[in-house]
């Protein structure tokens, strides 16, 4: 018998992907640009879009529009550039 991984398992994030996430996070914080963060949720597709207002390394959270989110929940990040 083999173990079956649940379909809603948290995806593994490699170091290169985590570096990209951190780059987008800090760019949004420093340059006040909008970013999109896809967050892990076992029940639904979640994303946060906006400008990062604060990053708290002690709590491992970040704030967008006054709401705090866990850094560990980020599975993907992209900069939302406007022309």
N, C-alpha and C. Protein backbone atom coordinates (compact mmCIF):
# COMPACT_ATOMS: atom_id res chain seq x y z
N UNK A 1 0.85 -1.16 0.00
CA UNK A 1 0.00 0.00 0.00
C UNK A 1 0.91 1.24 0.00
N UNK A 2 0.56 2.24 -0.81
CA UNK A 2 1.34 3.48 -0.85
C UNK A 2 0.52 4.60 -0.25
N UNK A 3 1.23 5.53 0.34
CA UNK A 3 0.55 6.69 0.94
C UNK A 3 0.08 7.63 -0.17
N UNK A 4 -1.12 8.13 -0.02
CA UNK A 4 -1.68 9.06 -0.98
C UNK A 4 -1.62 10.46 -0.38
N UNK A 5 -0.97 11.36 -1.13
CA UNK A 5 -0.87 12.74 -0.65
C UNK A 5 -2.18 13.46 -0.90
N UNK A 6 -2.70 14.16 0.09
CA UNK A 6 -3.96 14.89 -0.11
C UNK A 6 -3.80 15.97 -1.17
N UNK A 7 -4.86 16.23 -1.91
CA UNK A 7 -4.81 17.22 -2.98
C UNK A 7 -4.70 18.64 -2.44
N UNK A 8 -5.03 18.84 -1.19
CA UNK A 8 -4.97 20.18 -0.63
C UNK A 8 -3.74 20.39 0.24
N UNK A 9 -2.67 19.61 -0.02
CA UNK A 9 -1.45 19.73 0.77
C UNK A 9 -0.72 21.03 0.45
N UNK A 10 -0.05 21.57 1.43
CA UNK A 10 0.71 22.80 1.25
C UNK A 10 1.86 22.53 0.27
N UNK A 11 1.99 23.34 -0.78
CA UNK A 11 3.07 23.12 -1.74
C UNK A 11 4.43 23.46 -1.14
N UNK A 12 5.44 22.72 -1.56
CA UNK A 12 6.81 22.99 -1.09
C UNK A 12 7.38 24.15 -1.90
N UNK A 13 8.03 25.09 -1.21
CA UNK A 13 8.63 26.25 -1.85
C UNK A 13 10.14 26.08 -1.78
N UNK A 14 10.80 26.09 -2.94
CA UNK A 14 12.25 25.97 -2.99
C UNK A 14 12.92 27.30 -2.67
N UNK A 15 14.23 27.26 -2.49
CA UNK A 15 14.95 28.48 -2.11
C UNK A 15 14.92 29.53 -3.22
N UNK A 16 14.97 29.13 -4.48
CA UNK A 16 14.91 30.09 -5.59
C UNK A 16 13.54 30.76 -5.63
N UNK A 17 12.49 29.98 -5.43
CA UNK A 17 11.13 30.54 -5.43
C UNK A 17 10.94 31.47 -4.22
N UNK A 18 11.51 31.09 -3.07
CA UNK A 18 11.39 31.92 -1.88
C UNK A 18 12.13 33.25 -2.08
N UNK A 19 13.26 33.22 -2.78
CA UNK A 19 14.00 34.45 -3.09
C UNK A 19 13.16 35.37 -3.97
N UNK A 20 12.43 34.81 -4.93
CA UNK A 20 11.55 35.61 -5.78
C UNK A 20 10.41 36.22 -4.96
N UNK A 21 9.86 35.45 -4.04
CA UNK A 21 8.78 35.95 -3.18
C UNK A 21 9.30 37.10 -2.33
N UNK A 22 10.47 36.94 -1.73
CA UNK A 22 11.04 38.00 -0.91
C UNK A 22 11.34 39.26 -1.72
N UNK A 23 11.82 39.08 -2.96
CA UNK A 23 12.10 40.22 -3.83
C UNK A 23 10.84 41.03 -4.09
N UNK A 24 9.74 40.35 -4.43
CA UNK A 24 8.47 41.03 -4.69
C UNK A 24 7.95 41.70 -3.42
N UNK A 25 8.05 41.01 -2.30
CA UNK A 25 7.59 41.55 -1.02
C UNK A 25 8.33 42.84 -0.65
N UNK A 26 9.66 42.81 -0.73
CA UNK A 26 10.45 43.97 -0.35
C UNK A 26 10.36 45.09 -1.38
N UNK A 27 10.20 44.74 -2.65
CA UNK A 27 10.00 45.76 -3.68
C UNK A 27 8.70 46.51 -3.46
N UNK A 28 7.65 45.78 -3.13
CA UNK A 28 6.36 46.41 -2.86
C UNK A 28 6.45 47.31 -1.64
N UNK A 29 7.13 46.84 -0.60
CA UNK A 29 7.29 47.62 0.63
C UNK A 29 8.12 48.88 0.38
N UNK A 30 9.25 48.73 -0.27
CA UNK A 30 10.17 49.84 -0.46
C UNK A 30 9.75 50.86 -1.51
N UNK A 31 9.20 50.35 -2.61
CA UNK A 31 8.85 51.24 -3.72
C UNK A 31 7.36 51.58 -3.78
N UNK A 32 6.60 51.03 -2.82
CA UNK A 32 5.15 51.26 -2.74
C UNK A 32 4.45 50.88 -4.05
N UNK A 33 4.84 49.72 -4.60
CA UNK A 33 4.20 49.19 -5.80
C UNK A 33 3.25 48.07 -5.41
N UNK A 34 2.26 47.87 -6.21
CA UNK A 34 1.27 46.83 -5.94
C UNK A 34 1.86 45.46 -6.29
N UNK A 35 1.47 44.47 -5.52
CA UNK A 35 1.92 43.10 -5.74
C UNK A 35 0.77 42.14 -5.49
N UNK A 36 0.91 40.95 -6.04
CA UNK A 36 -0.10 39.90 -5.84
C UNK A 36 0.58 38.72 -5.17
N UNK A 37 0.00 38.26 -4.07
CA UNK A 37 0.51 37.12 -3.33
C UNK A 37 -0.55 36.04 -3.29
N UNK A 38 -0.22 34.88 -3.80
CA UNK A 38 -1.14 33.74 -3.70
C UNK A 38 -0.83 33.05 -2.38
N UNK A 39 -1.87 32.80 -1.60
CA UNK A 39 -1.71 32.23 -0.27
C UNK A 39 -2.27 30.82 -0.21
N UNK A 40 -1.63 29.99 0.60
CA UNK A 40 -2.11 28.62 0.80
C UNK A 40 -3.38 28.63 1.64
N UNK A 41 -4.37 27.92 1.16
CA UNK A 41 -5.60 27.67 1.91
C UNK A 41 -6.11 26.33 1.40
N UNK A 42 -6.33 25.36 2.29
CA UNK A 42 -6.73 24.03 1.83
C UNK A 42 -8.13 23.99 1.22
N UNK A 43 -8.94 25.01 1.44
CA UNK A 43 -10.32 24.94 0.99
C UNK A 43 -10.63 25.83 -0.21
N UNK A 44 -9.87 26.91 -0.40
CA UNK A 44 -10.18 27.81 -1.50
C UNK A 44 -8.93 28.48 -2.05
N UNK A 45 -9.06 29.07 -3.23
CA UNK A 45 -7.98 29.79 -3.87
C UNK A 45 -7.94 31.20 -3.29
N UNK A 46 -6.85 31.57 -2.61
CA UNK A 46 -6.75 32.87 -1.94
C UNK A 46 -5.60 33.67 -2.52
N UNK A 47 -5.84 34.97 -2.65
CA UNK A 47 -4.79 35.88 -3.10
C UNK A 47 -4.97 37.21 -2.40
N UNK A 48 -3.84 37.89 -2.18
CA UNK A 48 -3.83 39.23 -1.62
C UNK A 48 -3.20 40.13 -2.67
N UNK A 49 -3.88 41.20 -3.01
CA UNK A 49 -3.36 42.15 -4.00
C UNK A 49 -3.33 43.53 -3.36
N UNK A 50 -2.19 44.18 -3.42
CA UNK A 50 -2.06 45.52 -2.87
C UNK A 50 -0.63 45.86 -2.57
N UNK A 51 -0.44 46.97 -1.89
CA UNK A 51 0.89 47.45 -1.52
C UNK A 51 1.22 46.95 -0.11
N UNK A 52 2.38 46.37 0.04
CA UNK A 52 2.83 45.88 1.35
C UNK A 52 3.14 47.09 2.22
N UNK A 53 2.48 47.16 3.37
CA UNK A 53 2.66 48.28 4.29
C UNK A 53 3.71 48.00 5.35
N UNK A 54 3.85 46.72 5.71
CA UNK A 54 4.77 46.36 6.80
C UNK A 54 5.14 44.90 6.68
N UNK A 55 6.39 44.60 7.04
CA UNK A 55 6.85 43.22 7.17
C UNK A 55 7.40 43.08 8.58
N UNK A 56 6.89 42.12 9.32
CA UNK A 56 7.33 41.89 10.70
C UNK A 56 8.12 40.57 10.74
N UNK A 57 9.46 40.66 10.79
CA UNK A 57 10.25 39.42 10.77
C UNK A 57 10.11 38.59 12.04
N UNK A 58 9.72 39.20 13.15
CA UNK A 58 9.57 38.46 14.40
C UNK A 58 8.30 37.61 14.42
N UNK A 59 7.21 38.19 13.95
CA UNK A 59 5.95 37.44 13.85
C UNK A 59 5.85 36.66 12.55
N UNK A 60 6.77 36.94 11.62
CA UNK A 60 6.76 36.36 10.27
C UNK A 60 5.42 36.64 9.58
N UNK A 61 5.03 37.92 9.61
CA UNK A 61 3.80 38.36 8.96
C UNK A 61 4.09 39.56 8.06
N UNK A 62 3.15 39.83 7.16
CA UNK A 62 3.20 41.04 6.36
C UNK A 62 1.81 41.65 6.34
N UNK A 63 1.74 42.96 6.13
CA UNK A 63 0.48 43.68 6.19
C UNK A 63 0.17 44.33 4.85
N UNK A 64 -1.07 44.13 4.38
CA UNK A 64 -1.59 44.77 3.17
C UNK A 64 -2.98 45.28 3.52
N UNK A 65 -3.23 46.55 3.26
CA UNK A 65 -4.52 47.18 3.57
C UNK A 65 -4.96 46.96 5.03
N UNK A 66 -4.00 47.02 5.93
CA UNK A 66 -4.30 46.89 7.35
C UNK A 66 -4.53 45.47 7.84
N UNK A 67 -4.46 44.48 6.96
CA UNK A 67 -4.66 43.08 7.35
C UNK A 67 -3.33 42.35 7.36
N UNK A 68 -3.12 41.54 8.41
CA UNK A 68 -1.89 40.78 8.53
C UNK A 68 -2.05 39.38 7.96
N UNK A 69 -1.00 38.92 7.30
CA UNK A 69 -0.97 37.59 6.70
C UNK A 69 0.35 36.93 7.06
N UNK A 70 0.35 35.60 7.17
CA UNK A 70 1.56 34.86 7.49
C UNK A 70 2.45 34.73 6.26
N UNK A 71 3.74 35.01 6.45
CA UNK A 71 4.70 34.85 5.36
C UNK A 71 4.76 33.39 4.90
N UNK A 72 4.60 32.46 5.83
CA UNK A 72 4.68 31.04 5.50
C UNK A 72 3.55 30.58 4.59
N UNK A 73 2.47 31.36 4.52
CA UNK A 73 1.33 30.99 3.67
C UNK A 73 1.51 31.40 2.22
N UNK A 74 2.53 32.22 1.91
CA UNK A 74 2.73 32.65 0.52
C UNK A 74 3.25 31.49 -0.30
N UNK A 75 2.57 31.21 -1.41
CA UNK A 75 3.02 30.15 -2.31
C UNK A 75 3.53 30.71 -3.65
N UNK A 76 3.16 31.95 -3.93
CA UNK A 76 3.56 32.58 -5.19
C UNK A 76 3.41 34.09 -5.05
N UNK A 77 4.29 34.84 -5.73
CA UNK A 77 4.19 36.30 -5.68
C UNK A 77 4.56 36.88 -7.03
N UNK A 78 3.89 37.97 -7.39
CA UNK A 78 4.22 38.66 -8.62
C UNK A 78 3.98 40.15 -8.45
N UNK A 79 4.81 40.94 -9.11
CA UNK A 79 4.67 42.39 -9.07
C UNK A 79 3.55 42.77 -10.02
N UNK A 80 2.73 43.71 -9.62
CA UNK A 80 1.63 44.21 -10.44
C UNK A 80 2.04 45.57 -11.00
N UNK A 81 2.72 45.54 -12.12
CA UNK A 81 3.20 46.79 -12.72
C UNK A 81 2.10 47.45 -13.52
N UNK A 82 2.04 48.78 -13.47
CA UNK A 82 1.10 49.52 -14.29
C UNK A 82 1.89 50.44 -15.21
N UNK A 83 1.43 50.57 -16.43
CA UNK A 83 2.12 51.41 -17.42
C UNK A 83 1.34 52.67 -17.64
